[in-house]
Amino acid sequence: ASDRFNINSQLEHLQAKYVGTGHADLNRFEWAVNIQRDSYASYIGHYPMLAYFAIAENESIGRERYNFMQKMLLPCGLPPERDED
C-alpha cells in the first residue's frame, strides 16, 4: 500500500511540474497542442535542427525561429467547442 501511495504522489508531482505529462481529464485536443508546442520548442532550442529546417525551407534561421514561435500560439487551430453538460 505504501508503494502505491508513493507512485501516485510521484506521478502527481510530475504532472504538476511538467504540463506535457497530462492528467486524467486531458482531452485529445489539449494533448495534441502539448505535443506540437513541445516539438516547436525543441526545434527552436536545438540549433542544428533549426538550421536544417531553415535550409529545407530556404529561409533565414531567424525567420524560421520566428515562424515556429508564431505557430506555438495556435499549433492545432482553434479549440473545439465544448458541450456544456
Protein backbone atom coordinates (compact mmCIF):
# COMPACT_ATOMS: atom_id res chain seq x y z
CA ALA A 1 0.00 0.00 0.00
CA SER A 2 2.89 2.33 0.76
CA ASP A 3 4.42 1.80 -2.68
CA ARG A 4 1.14 2.60 -4.40
CA PHE A 5 0.80 5.88 -2.49
CA ASN A 6 4.42 6.75 -3.28
CA ILE A 7 3.96 6.09 -7.02
CA ASN A 8 0.77 8.16 -7.13
CA SER A 9 2.41 11.07 -5.32
CA GLN A 10 5.38 10.92 -7.72
CA LEU A 11 3.01 10.96 -10.70
CA GLU A 12 1.10 13.93 -9.27
CA HIS A 13 4.40 15.76 -8.71
CA LEU A 14 5.47 15.14 -12.33
CA GLN A 15 2.10 16.29 -13.66
CA ALA A 16 2.29 19.48 -11.61
CA LYS A 17 5.87 20.16 -12.69
CA TYR A 18 5.59 19.29 -16.39
CA VAL A 19 2.43 20.25 -18.25
CA GLY A 20 3.08 17.78 -21.08
CA THR A 21 2.74 14.69 -18.88
CA GLY A 22 -1.03 15.12 -18.91
CA HIS A 23 -3.69 14.00 -16.48
CA ALA A 24 -6.91 12.02 -16.47
CA ASP A 25 -9.07 14.94 -17.67
CA LEU A 26 -6.83 15.86 -20.61
CA ASN A 27 -8.72 15.70 -23.89
CA ARG A 28 -7.36 14.83 -27.32
CA PHE A 29 -7.03 18.46 -28.48
CA GLU A 30 -5.07 19.56 -25.40
CA TRP A 31 -2.78 16.55 -25.75
CA ALA A 32 -2.10 17.39 -29.41
CA VAL A 33 -1.39 21.03 -28.52
CA ASN A 34 1.14 19.91 -25.89
CA ILE A 35 2.89 17.65 -28.39
CA GLN A 36 3.06 20.36 -31.06
CA ARG A 37 4.34 23.01 -28.66
CA ASP A 38 6.96 20.65 -27.26
CA SER A 39 8.11 19.89 -30.80
CA TYR A 40 8.38 23.57 -31.79
CA ALA A 41 10.23 24.39 -28.56
CA SER A 42 12.66 21.58 -29.28
CA TYR A 43 13.23 22.80 -32.84
CA ILE A 44 13.95 26.32 -31.56
CA GLY A 45 16.20 25.08 -28.77
CA HIS A 46 18.35 22.79 -30.90
CA TYR A 47 20.30 24.95 -33.33
CA PRO A 48 21.23 22.17 -35.81
CA MET A 49 17.56 21.21 -36.16
CA LEU A 50 16.61 24.86 -36.65
CA ALA A 51 19.33 25.23 -39.28
CA TYR A 52 18.05 22.10 -41.04
CA PHE A 53 14.52 23.50 -41.25
CA ALA A 54 15.86 26.86 -42.43
CA ILE A 55 17.82 25.24 -45.25
CA ALA A 56 14.93 22.97 -46.21
CA GLU A 57 12.50 25.91 -46.44
CA ASN A 58 15.07 28.33 -47.91
CA GLU A 59 14.56 30.83 -45.07
CA SER A 60 16.94 32.51 -42.66
CA ILE A 61 17.39 30.91 -39.26
CA GLY A 62 15.92 33.96 -37.52
CA ARG A 63 12.83 33.86 -39.75
CA GLU A 64 12.39 30.15 -39.12
CA ARG A 65 12.67 30.71 -35.36
CA TYR A 66 10.05 33.47 -35.61
CA ASN A 67 7.73 31.21 -37.66
CA PHE A 68 7.99 28.42 -35.08
CA MET A 69 7.25 30.83 -32.25
CA GLN A 70 4.18 32.08 -34.12
CA LYS A 71 3.00 28.51 -34.70
CA MET A 72 3.22 27.87 -30.95
CA LEU A 73 0.28 30.23 -30.34
CA LEU A 74 -2.32 28.02 -32.02
CA PRO A 75 -0.48 24.89 -33.16
CA CYS A 76 -3.65 22.86 -33.82
CA GLY A 77 -6.07 25.63 -34.72
CA LEU A 78 -8.90 26.89 -32.57
CA PRO A 79 -10.08 24.59 -29.78
CA PRO A 80 -13.26 22.64 -30.47
CA GLU A 81 -16.47 23.84 -28.88
CA ARG A 82 -17.26 22.04 -25.65
CA ASP A 83 -20.65 20.67 -24.76
CA GLU A 84 -21.90 22.21 -21.52
CA ASP A 85 -23.40 19.12 -19.86
